[in-house]
Amino acid sequence: QVQVVESGGALVQAGGSLILSCAVSGSLLRLFTIGWYRQTPGKQRELVAIITSNDNIDYVDSVKGRFTISRDNAKNTVYLQMNSLEPEDTAVYYCKAKLERSAYNVWGQGTQVTVSS
């Protein structure tokens, strides 16, 4: 069974940086598209960054130039490097692993990122 675990969330000052990790177990990471999402109370979950199994990458406009998604298939881990953090980036960040050419997907439990002004 595939499991997804996020880590790295923290309280950080505006302008600071964080690296979030998304560890996938139970299968090979290279078979999955990984998306980082975020959600604040009362709002829909928003896709922030995505990396496909063949390393196609995309970002929501609000984080372009500040966030970088990358994958290490040997470590079965996807990273989200977040720089120049803003209070508006405060949210619970979730990782979703979607098996290529399949409807199968798994969510992690989320990790809290809080950016103070």
N, C-alpha and C. Protein backbone atom coordinates (compact mmCIF):
# COMPACT_ATOMS: atom_id res chain seq x y z
N GLN A 1 0.84 -1.18 0.00
CA GLN A 1 0.00 0.00 0.00
C GLN A 1 0.89 1.24 0.00
N VAL A 2 0.54 2.18 -0.86
CA VAL A 2 1.33 3.40 -0.97
C VAL A 2 0.98 4.34 0.17
N GLN A 3 2.00 4.91 0.78
CA GLN A 3 1.82 5.92 1.81
C GLN A 3 2.62 7.16 1.44
N VAL A 4 2.06 8.30 1.82
CA VAL A 4 2.70 9.59 1.55
C VAL A 4 2.81 10.35 2.86
N VAL A 5 4.00 10.83 3.17
CA VAL A 5 4.22 11.55 4.42
C VAL A 5 4.95 12.85 4.13
N GLU A 6 4.33 13.97 4.52
CA GLU A 6 4.96 15.27 4.37
C GLU A 6 5.70 15.64 5.66
N SER A 7 6.72 16.46 5.51
CA SER A 7 7.44 16.99 6.66
C SER A 7 8.10 18.30 6.26
N GLY A 8 8.54 19.02 7.28
CA GLY A 8 9.29 20.25 7.04
C GLY A 8 8.54 21.53 7.32
N GLY A 9 7.25 21.43 7.61
CA GLY A 9 6.51 22.64 7.94
C GLY A 9 7.00 23.27 9.23
N ALA A 10 6.87 24.58 9.30
CA ALA A 10 7.36 25.30 10.47
C ALA A 10 6.82 26.72 10.48
N LEU A 11 7.14 27.43 11.55
CA LEU A 11 6.86 28.86 11.65
C LEU A 11 8.11 29.60 11.17
N VAL A 12 7.94 30.51 10.23
CA VAL A 12 9.07 31.23 9.66
C VAL A 12 8.67 32.69 9.44
N GLN A 13 9.64 33.57 9.48
CA GLN A 13 9.35 34.99 9.23
C GLN A 13 9.24 35.25 7.74
N ALA A 14 8.50 36.28 7.40
CA ALA A 14 8.38 36.69 6.01
C ALA A 14 9.77 36.94 5.42
N GLY A 15 9.95 36.47 4.20
CA GLY A 15 11.24 36.57 3.55
C GLY A 15 12.12 35.35 3.75
N GLY A 16 11.73 34.49 4.65
CA GLY A 16 12.51 33.30 4.95
C GLY A 16 12.26 32.16 3.97
N SER A 17 12.88 31.03 4.28
CA SER A 17 12.82 29.87 3.40
C SER A 17 12.50 28.61 4.19
N LEU A 18 11.90 27.65 3.50
CA LEU A 18 11.63 26.33 4.05
C LEU A 18 11.77 25.30 2.95
N ILE A 19 12.10 24.09 3.34
CA ILE A 19 12.07 22.97 2.40
C ILE A 19 11.08 21.95 2.94
N LEU A 20 10.05 21.65 2.17
CA LEU A 20 9.12 20.60 2.51
C LEU A 20 9.52 19.32 1.79
N SER A 21 9.30 18.21 2.47
CA SER A 21 9.60 16.90 1.89
C SER A 21 8.32 16.07 1.81
N CYS A 22 8.24 15.29 0.74
CA CYS A 22 7.12 14.37 0.54
C CYS A 22 7.73 12.99 0.28
N ALA A 23 7.65 12.14 1.28
CA ALA A 23 8.23 10.79 1.17
C ALA A 23 7.16 9.80 0.78
N VAL A 24 7.43 9.04 -0.27
CA VAL A 24 6.49 8.04 -0.77
C VAL A 24 7.05 6.66 -0.46
N SER A 25 6.24 5.81 0.13
CA SER A 25 6.66 4.45 0.42
C SER A 25 5.63 3.47 -0.15
N GLY A 26 6.08 2.24 -0.35
CA GLY A 26 5.19 1.20 -0.85
C GLY A 26 5.19 1.06 -2.35
N SER A 27 5.90 1.93 -3.05
CA SER A 27 6.00 1.82 -4.49
C SER A 27 7.15 2.69 -4.96
N LEU A 28 7.39 2.68 -6.24
CA LEU A 28 8.47 3.47 -6.81
C LEU A 28 7.99 4.87 -7.14
N LEU A 29 8.71 5.87 -6.63
CA LEU A 29 8.31 7.25 -6.83
C LEU A 29 8.25 7.59 -8.32
N ARG A 30 9.11 7.00 -9.11
CA ARG A 30 9.21 7.36 -10.53
C ARG A 30 7.94 7.04 -11.31
N LEU A 31 7.05 6.25 -10.70
CA LEU A 31 5.79 5.89 -11.36
C LEU A 31 4.69 6.93 -11.13
N PHE A 32 4.98 7.92 -10.30
CA PHE A 32 3.94 8.84 -9.85
C PHE A 32 4.19 10.27 -10.29
N THR A 33 3.09 10.96 -10.54
CA THR A 33 3.09 12.42 -10.56
C THR A 33 2.82 12.90 -9.16
N ILE A 34 3.61 13.87 -8.71
CA ILE A 34 3.48 14.39 -7.35
C ILE A 34 3.04 15.85 -7.42
N GLY A 35 2.01 16.15 -6.66
CA GLY A 35 1.55 17.53 -6.56
C GLY A 35 1.62 18.02 -5.13
N TRP A 36 2.07 19.24 -4.97
CA TRP A 36 1.99 19.92 -3.69
C TRP A 36 0.78 20.85 -3.72
N TYR A 37 -0.06 20.74 -2.73
CA TYR A 37 -1.26 21.55 -2.60
C TYR A 37 -1.19 22.28 -1.27
N ARG A 38 -2.01 23.32 -1.14
CA ARG A 38 -2.12 23.99 0.15
C ARG A 38 -3.58 24.39 0.38
N GLN A 39 -3.89 24.52 1.65
CA GLN A 39 -5.27 24.84 2.02
C GLN A 39 -5.28 25.68 3.28
N THR A 40 -6.12 26.72 3.25
CA THR A 40 -6.36 27.53 4.44
C THR A 40 -7.83 27.36 4.81
N PRO A 41 -8.17 27.64 6.07
CA PRO A 41 -9.55 27.43 6.52
C PRO A 41 -10.55 28.18 5.65
N GLY A 42 -11.59 27.49 5.26
CA GLY A 42 -12.65 28.10 4.49
C GLY A 42 -12.37 28.21 3.00
N LYS A 43 -11.21 27.75 2.56
CA LYS A 43 -10.86 27.85 1.15
C LYS A 43 -10.63 26.46 0.56
N GLN A 44 -10.75 26.38 -0.76
CA GLN A 44 -10.49 25.12 -1.43
C GLN A 44 -8.99 24.83 -1.47
N ARG A 45 -8.70 23.57 -1.53
CA ARG A 45 -7.31 23.16 -1.66
C ARG A 45 -6.79 23.62 -3.03
N GLU A 46 -5.61 24.20 -3.01
CA GLU A 46 -5.03 24.80 -4.22
C GLU A 46 -3.77 24.06 -4.63
N LEU A 47 -3.67 23.75 -5.92
CA LEU A 47 -2.44 23.15 -6.43
C LEU A 47 -1.35 24.21 -6.51
N VAL A 48 -0.23 23.94 -5.88
CA VAL A 48 0.88 24.90 -5.82
C VAL A 48 1.96 24.55 -6.84
N ALA A 49 2.32 23.28 -6.89
CA ALA A 49 3.39 22.84 -7.79
C ALA A 49 3.18 21.38 -8.12
N ILE A 50 3.63 21.00 -9.30
CA ILE A 50 3.44 19.63 -9.73
C ILE A 50 4.66 19.18 -10.53
N ILE A 51 5.02 17.92 -10.35
CA ILE A 51 6.11 17.34 -11.13
C ILE A 51 5.65 15.95 -11.59
N THR A 52 5.74 15.73 -12.88
CA THR A 52 5.29 14.46 -13.43
C THR A 52 6.39 13.40 -13.38
N SER A 53 6.04 12.19 -13.77
CA SER A 53 7.02 11.10 -13.73
C SER A 53 8.17 11.34 -14.70
N ASN A 54 7.92 12.14 -15.75
CA ASN A 54 9.02 12.47 -16.67
C ASN A 54 9.52 13.90 -16.47
N ASP A 55 9.29 14.42 -15.25
CA ASP A 55 9.88 15.68 -14.80
C ASP A 55 9.34 16.92 -15.48
N ASN A 56 8.13 16.86 -16.00
CA ASN A 56 7.47 18.10 -16.39
C ASN A 56 7.00 18.80 -15.12
N ILE A 57 7.20 20.11 -15.08
CA ILE A 57 6.96 20.87 -13.86
C ILE A 57 6.07 22.08 -14.16
N ASP A 58 5.22 22.40 -13.22
CA ASP A 58 4.42 23.61 -13.33
C ASP A 58 4.12 24.14 -11.94
N TYR A 59 3.83 25.44 -11.89
CA TYR A 59 3.55 26.13 -10.64
C TYR A 59 2.33 27.03 -10.79
N VAL A 60 1.67 27.27 -9.69
CA VAL A 60 0.67 28.32 -9.68
C VAL A 60 1.39 29.66 -9.79
N ASP A 61 0.75 30.62 -10.43
CA ASP A 61 1.43 31.88 -10.71
C ASP A 61 1.98 32.56 -9.46
N SER A 62 1.27 32.44 -8.35
CA SER A 62 1.64 33.17 -7.14
C SER A 62 2.96 32.71 -6.52
N VAL A 63 3.46 31.55 -6.94
CA VAL A 63 4.72 31.06 -6.36
C VAL A 63 5.84 30.96 -7.38
N LYS A 64 5.54 31.26 -8.63
CA LYS A 64 6.58 31.18 -9.66
C LYS A 64 7.73 32.11 -9.32
N GLY A 65 8.94 31.59 -9.44
CA GLY A 65 10.14 32.36 -9.11
C GLY A 65 10.52 32.28 -7.64
N ARG A 66 9.63 31.74 -6.80
CA ARG A 66 9.93 31.63 -5.37
C ARG A 66 10.02 30.18 -4.90
N PHE A 67 9.20 29.32 -5.49
CA PHE A 67 9.16 27.91 -5.09
C PHE A 67 9.79 27.05 -6.18
N THR A 68 10.43 25.96 -5.75
CA THR A 68 11.01 25.02 -6.68
C THR A 68 10.66 23.60 -6.24
N ILE A 69 10.09 22.82 -7.15
CA ILE A 69 9.77 21.43 -6.86
C ILE A 69 10.82 20.55 -7.52
N SER A 70 11.21 19.49 -6.83
CA SER A 70 12.20 18.58 -7.39
C SER A 70 11.93 17.18 -6.82
N ARG A 71 12.48 16.19 -7.49
CA ARG A 71 12.28 14.82 -7.03
C ARG A 71 13.61 14.08 -6.99
N ASP A 72 13.74 13.19 -6.02
CA ASP A 72 14.89 12.30 -5.91
C ASP A 72 14.33 10.89 -5.89
N ASN A 73 14.32 10.26 -7.06
CA ASN A 73 13.70 8.94 -7.15
C ASN A 73 14.45 7.90 -6.31
N ALA A 74 15.74 8.10 -6.14
CA ALA A 74 16.52 7.15 -5.33
C ALA A 74 16.09 7.19 -3.87
N LYS A 75 15.65 8.37 -3.43
CA LYS A 75 15.20 8.51 -2.04
C LYS A 75 13.68 8.45 -1.92
N ASN A 76 13.01 8.26 -3.06
CA ASN A 76 11.54 8.22 -3.06
C ASN A 76 10.93 9.46 -2.41
N THR A 77 11.53 10.61 -2.69
CA THR A 77 11.12 11.84 -2.02
C THR A 77 11.02 12.98 -3.03
N VAL A 78 10.01 13.78 -2.86
CA VAL A 78 9.85 15.02 -3.62
C VAL A 78 9.99 16.19 -2.65
N TYR A 79 10.66 17.23 -3.12
CA TYR A 79 10.92 18.39 -2.27
C TYR A 79 10.21 19.63 -2.83
N LEU A 80 9.86 20.52 -1.93
CA LEU A 80 9.37 21.83 -2.33
C LEU A 80 10.22 22.86 -1.60
N GLN A 81 11.11 23.49 -2.35
CA GLN A 81 11.94 24.56 -1.81
C GLN A 81 11.13 25.84 -1.89
N MET A 82 10.91 26.49 -0.76
CA MET A 82 10.10 27.71 -0.72
C MET A 82 10.97 28.86 -0.23
N ASN A 83 11.17 29.84 -1.09
CA ASN A 83 11.96 31.02 -0.76
C ASN A 83 11.08 32.26 -0.75
N SER A 84 11.60 33.32 -0.16
CA SER A 84 10.89 34.60 -0.12
C SER A 84 9.45 34.41 0.34
N LEU A 85 9.30 33.69 1.41
CA LEU A 85 7.96 33.36 1.89
C LEU A 85 7.20 34.61 2.32
N GLU A 86 5.91 34.57 2.07
CA GLU A 86 5.02 35.68 2.38
C GLU A 86 3.93 35.18 3.33
N PRO A 87 3.35 36.09 4.12
CA PRO A 87 2.25 35.66 5.01
C PRO A 87 1.13 34.93 4.26
N GLU A 88 0.93 35.30 2.99
CA GLU A 88 -0.11 34.65 2.19
C GLU A 88 0.21 33.19 1.87
N ASP A 89 1.44 32.77 2.12
CA ASP A 89 1.81 31.36 1.90
C ASP A 89 1.42 30.49 3.09
N THR A 90 0.95 31.10 4.15
CA THR A 90 0.53 30.35 5.32
C THR A 90 -0.61 29.41 4.97
N ALA A 91 -0.43 28.13 5.27
CA ALA A 91 -1.42 27.12 4.92
C ALA A 91 -0.94 25.76 5.42
N VAL A 92 -1.83 24.80 5.35
CA VAL A 92 -1.42 23.40 5.48
C VAL A 92 -1.06 22.93 4.08
N TYR A 93 0.13 22.37 3.94
CA TYR A 93 0.62 21.90 2.66
C TYR A 93 0.48 20.38 2.60
N TYR A 94 -0.13 19.94 1.51
CA TYR A 94 -0.38 18.52 1.31
C TYR A 94 0.35 18.04 0.06
N CYS A 95 0.70 16.80 0.09
CA CYS A 95 1.33 16.14 -1.05
C CYS A 95 0.38 15.05 -1.55
N LYS A 96 0.23 14.99 -2.87
CA LYS A 96 -0.59 13.95 -3.46
C LYS A 96 0.24 13.18 -4.49
N ALA A 97 0.20 11.88 -4.38
CA ALA A 97 0.89 11.01 -5.33
C ALA A 97 -0.15 10.37 -6.23
N LYS A 98 -0.03 10.60 -7.54
CA LYS A 98 -0.96 10.03 -8.49
C LYS A 98 -0.20 9.09 -9.43
N LEU A 99 -0.67 7.86 -9.47
CA LEU A 99 -0.05 6.87 -10.33
C LEU A 99 -0.32 7.21 -11.80
N GLU A 100 0.72 7.23 -12.62
CA GLU A 100 0.57 7.58 -14.03
C GLU A 100 -0.39 6.62 -14.73
N ARG A 101 -1.20 7.20 -15.61
CA ARG A 101 -2.14 6.42 -16.43
C ARG A 101 -3.10 5.61 -15.56
N SER A 102 -3.49 6.22 -14.45
CA SER A 102 -4.38 5.56 -13.50
C SER A 102 -5.12 6.62 -12.72
N ALA A 103 -6.26 6.23 -12.16
CA ALA A 103 -7.00 7.14 -11.28
C ALA A 103 -6.56 7.00 -9.83
N TYR A 104 -5.62 6.11 -9.57
CA TYR A 104 -5.17 5.85 -8.19
C TYR A 104 -4.34 7.01 -7.68
N ASN A 105 -4.72 7.52 -6.53
CA ASN A 105 -3.91 8.57 -5.91
C ASN A 105 -4.01 8.48 -4.39
N VAL A 106 -2.99 9.02 -3.75
CA VAL A 106 -2.88 8.97 -2.29
C VAL A 106 -2.48 10.33 -1.78
N TRP A 107 -3.13 10.77 -0.71
CA TRP A 107 -2.81 12.04 -0.07
C TRP A 107 -2.02 11.80 1.21
N GLY A 108 -1.17 12.75 1.53
CA GLY A 108 -0.53 12.76 2.82
C GLY A 108 -1.41 13.47 3.84
N GLN A 109 -0.89 13.55 5.07
CA GLN A 109 -1.68 14.11 6.17
C GLN A 109 -1.52 15.63 6.28
N GLY A 110 -0.54 16.19 5.57
CA GLY A 110 -0.33 17.63 5.58
C GLY A 110 0.72 18.07 6.59
N THR A 111 1.30 19.23 6.29
CA THR A 111 2.27 19.84 7.20
C THR A 111 2.00 21.35 7.23
N GLN A 112 2.02 21.93 8.42
CA GLN A 112 1.63 23.33 8.59
C GLN A 112 2.82 24.25 8.31
N VAL A 113 2.56 25.23 7.45
CA VAL A 113 3.52 26.30 7.21
C VAL A 113 2.87 27.61 7.66
N THR A 114 3.56 28.31 8.55
CA THR A 114 3.06 29.60 9.02
C THR A 114 4.14 30.65 8.79
N VAL A 115 3.77 31.70 8.08
CA VAL A 115 4.71 32.78 7.77
C VAL A 115 4.24 34.02 8.52
N SER A 116 5.07 34.50 9.41
CA SER A 116 4.72 35.68 10.19
C SER A 116 5.23 36.95 9.51
N SER A 117 4.46 38.01 9.68
CA SER A 117 4.85 39.29 9.03
C SER A 117 5.74 40.12 9.93
